[in-house]
Every structure is written in structure tokens, then in C-alpha cells.
């Protein structure tokens, strides 16, 4: 029985698992989950549904 291919398979499995964990942990945060995104969403929803008072949307300062 040759043990070398089993060791290589174990190492490849470990590398694959670590790579998948790293790629899934680094996803981008959606804008509607941030504080500023929630304010903008509230503002645009009020415009869309025809409210007379508009909440103040926070503007980006660049």
C-alpha cells in the first residue's frame, strides 16, 4: 500500500477547506446594512411612496 497519495490528498483537502473559508469570509457588506445605507433607503422609500415630508439623506463627502 502506497501512503504518499493519501498524504497528498489530505494536504489538498486542507488547502481546499482553508481557501473556501477565506473566500466566504471576505464578502462585501451590502449598502443597505450600513448606517448610511439605511438612511438613504428610508429617503428613497419616502419619495417612492409619495410622502410629503422627506427625511434628510446623508450626503457623501469626498
N, C-alpha and C. Protein backbone atom coordinates (compact mmCIF):
# COMPACT_ATOMS: atom_id res chain seq x y z
N UNK A 1 0.85 -1.19 0.00
CA UNK A 1 0.00 0.00 0.00
C UNK A 1 0.89 1.25 0.00
N UNK A 2 0.62 2.14 -0.91
CA UNK A 2 1.40 3.36 -1.04
C UNK A 2 0.74 4.47 -0.23
N UNK A 3 1.49 5.03 0.73
CA UNK A 3 0.94 6.04 1.64
C UNK A 3 1.06 7.45 1.06
N UNK A 4 1.95 7.68 0.14
CA UNK A 4 2.19 9.01 -0.42
C UNK A 4 0.93 9.67 -1.01
N UNK A 5 0.12 8.98 -1.83
CA UNK A 5 -1.08 9.64 -2.37
C UNK A 5 -2.09 10.04 -1.28
N UNK A 6 -2.14 9.27 -0.19
CA UNK A 6 -3.06 9.63 0.90
C UNK A 6 -2.63 10.93 1.58
N UNK A 7 -1.34 11.10 1.75
CA UNK A 7 -0.84 12.33 2.37
C UNK A 7 -1.10 13.53 1.46
N UNK A 8 -0.90 13.35 0.17
CA UNK A 8 -1.15 14.43 -0.79
C UNK A 8 -2.63 14.79 -0.79
N UNK A 9 -3.50 13.79 -0.74
CA UNK A 9 -4.95 14.05 -0.72
C UNK A 9 -5.35 14.82 0.53
N UNK A 10 -4.75 14.48 1.68
CA UNK A 10 -5.07 15.18 2.93
C UNK A 10 -4.64 16.64 2.84
N UNK A 11 -3.46 16.89 2.29
CA UNK A 11 -2.98 18.26 2.15
C UNK A 11 -3.86 19.06 1.18
N UNK A 12 -4.25 18.43 0.09
CA UNK A 12 -5.13 19.12 -0.85
C UNK A 12 -6.49 19.42 -0.23
N UNK A 13 -7.00 18.51 0.56
CA UNK A 13 -8.28 18.74 1.23
C UNK A 13 -8.17 19.89 2.22
N UNK A 14 -7.07 19.95 2.96
CA UNK A 14 -6.87 21.05 3.92
C UNK A 14 -6.77 22.39 3.20
N UNK A 15 -6.01 22.42 2.11
CA UNK A 15 -5.86 23.66 1.35
C UNK A 15 -7.20 24.09 0.77
N UNK A 16 -7.98 23.15 0.28
CA UNK A 16 -9.30 23.47 -0.28
C UNK A 16 -10.23 24.04 0.79
N UNK A 17 -10.24 23.45 1.96
CA UNK A 17 -11.11 23.92 3.05
C UNK A 17 -10.71 25.32 3.50
N UNK A 18 -9.41 25.54 3.67
CA UNK A 18 -8.93 26.87 4.10
C UNK A 18 -9.24 27.92 3.04
N UNK A 19 -9.08 27.58 1.78
CA UNK A 19 -9.38 28.52 0.70
C UNK A 19 -10.86 28.86 0.66
N UNK A 20 -11.71 27.87 0.79
CA UNK A 20 -13.15 28.14 0.79
C UNK A 20 -13.56 28.99 1.98
N UNK A 21 -12.98 28.74 3.14
CA UNK A 21 -13.30 29.55 4.32
C UNK A 21 -12.85 30.99 4.13
N UNK A 22 -11.69 31.19 3.54
CA UNK A 22 -11.18 32.54 3.33
C UNK A 22 -12.03 33.30 2.32
N UNK A 23 -12.46 32.63 1.27
CA UNK A 23 -13.25 33.31 0.24
C UNK A 23 -14.65 33.65 0.74
N UNK A 24 -15.25 32.81 1.56
CA UNK A 24 -16.59 33.10 2.06
C UNK A 24 -16.58 34.12 3.19
N UNK A 25 -15.46 34.27 3.89
CA UNK A 25 -15.39 35.22 4.99
C UNK A 25 -15.16 36.64 4.51
N UNK A 26 -14.70 36.83 3.30
CA UNK A 26 -14.32 38.15 2.80
C UNK A 26 -15.37 38.75 1.86
N UNK A 27 -16.63 38.51 2.12
CA UNK A 27 -17.63 39.06 1.22
C UNK A 27 -17.89 40.54 1.54
N UNK A 28 -18.34 41.27 0.58
CA UNK A 28 -18.59 42.70 0.74
C UNK A 28 -19.86 42.94 1.54
N UNK A 29 -19.86 44.03 2.29
CA UNK A 29 -21.03 44.40 3.07
C UNK A 29 -21.99 45.17 2.16
N UNK A 30 -23.23 44.76 2.16
CA UNK A 30 -24.22 45.43 1.33
C UNK A 30 -24.51 46.82 1.87
N UNK A 31 -24.83 47.75 0.99
CA UNK A 31 -25.01 49.13 1.41
C UNK A 31 -26.23 49.31 2.31
N UNK A 32 -27.26 48.47 2.15
CA UNK A 32 -28.44 48.65 2.98
C UNK A 32 -28.24 48.12 4.39
N UNK A 33 -27.11 47.48 4.67
CA UNK A 33 -26.82 47.03 6.03
C UNK A 33 -26.04 48.06 6.83
N UNK A 34 -25.51 49.08 6.17
CA UNK A 34 -24.74 50.09 6.87
C UNK A 34 -25.67 51.21 7.36
N UNK A 35 -25.15 52.03 8.25
CA UNK A 35 -25.92 53.14 8.80
C UNK A 35 -26.34 54.11 7.70
N UNK A 36 -25.39 54.47 6.86
CA UNK A 36 -25.67 55.43 5.79
C UNK A 36 -26.64 54.85 4.77
N UNK A 37 -26.51 53.57 4.48
CA UNK A 37 -27.40 52.92 3.53
C UNK A 37 -28.84 52.87 4.03
N UNK A 38 -29.02 52.69 5.32
CA UNK A 38 -30.37 52.66 5.89
C UNK A 38 -31.03 54.03 5.79
N UNK A 39 -30.24 55.07 6.00
CA UNK A 39 -30.77 56.43 5.87
C UNK A 39 -31.20 56.72 4.43
N UNK A 40 -30.36 56.32 3.48
CA UNK A 40 -30.69 56.54 2.08
C UNK A 40 -31.92 55.72 1.67
N UNK A 41 -32.00 54.49 2.15
CA UNK A 41 -33.14 53.63 1.83
C UNK A 41 -34.44 54.24 2.36
N UNK A 42 -34.39 54.81 3.55
CA UNK A 42 -35.57 55.47 4.12
C UNK A 42 -35.97 56.68 3.27
N UNK A 43 -34.99 57.44 2.82
CA UNK A 43 -35.25 58.61 1.99
C UNK A 43 -35.87 58.22 0.66
N UNK A 44 -35.29 57.24 -0.03
CA UNK A 44 -35.79 56.84 -1.34
C UNK A 44 -37.15 56.15 -1.24
N UNK A 45 -37.40 55.43 -0.17
CA UNK A 45 -38.72 54.83 0.01
C UNK A 45 -39.78 55.89 0.24
N UNK A 46 -39.43 56.96 0.97
CA UNK A 46 -40.41 58.02 1.20
C UNK A 46 -40.74 58.74 -0.10
N UNK A 47 -39.77 58.91 -0.98
CA UNK A 47 -40.03 59.53 -2.28
C UNK A 47 -40.90 58.61 -3.13
N UNK A 48 -40.59 57.34 -3.12
CA UNK A 48 -41.30 56.39 -3.98
C UNK A 48 -42.77 56.26 -3.59
N UNK A 49 -43.06 56.28 -2.28
CA UNK A 49 -44.43 56.06 -1.84
C UNK A 49 -45.19 57.36 -1.60
N UNK A 50 -44.65 58.48 -2.02
CA UNK A 50 -45.39 59.73 -2.07
C UNK A 50 -45.62 60.43 -0.76
N UNK A 51 -44.72 60.32 0.20
CA UNK A 51 -44.87 61.05 1.44
C UNK A 51 -44.54 62.52 1.21
N UNK A 52 -45.20 63.39 1.95
CA UNK A 52 -44.96 64.81 1.75
C UNK A 52 -43.69 65.28 2.44
N UNK A 53 -43.34 64.67 3.57
CA UNK A 53 -42.10 65.06 4.26
C UNK A 53 -41.01 64.07 3.91
N UNK A 54 -39.88 64.61 3.54
CA UNK A 54 -38.75 63.76 3.18
C UNK A 54 -37.72 63.81 4.31
N UNK A 55 -37.31 62.66 4.79
CA UNK A 55 -36.22 62.68 5.77
C UNK A 55 -34.92 63.11 5.10
N UNK A 56 -34.02 63.68 5.87
CA UNK A 56 -32.77 64.17 5.30
C UNK A 56 -31.86 62.99 5.00
N UNK A 57 -31.44 62.89 3.76
CA UNK A 57 -30.49 61.85 3.37
C UNK A 57 -29.09 62.36 3.59
N UNK A 58 -28.24 61.53 4.12
CA UNK A 58 -26.86 61.93 4.37
C UNK A 58 -26.09 61.89 3.06
N UNK A 59 -25.40 62.99 2.76
CA UNK A 59 -24.64 63.06 1.52
C UNK A 59 -23.20 62.63 1.74
N UNK A 60 -22.64 62.02 0.73
CA UNK A 60 -21.24 61.61 0.81
C UNK A 60 -20.35 62.81 0.64
N UNK A 61 -19.34 62.92 1.51
CA UNK A 61 -18.34 63.98 1.38
C UNK A 61 -17.08 63.35 0.86
N UNK A 62 -16.65 63.79 -0.29
CA UNK A 62 -15.44 63.22 -0.90
C UNK A 62 -14.33 64.22 -0.93
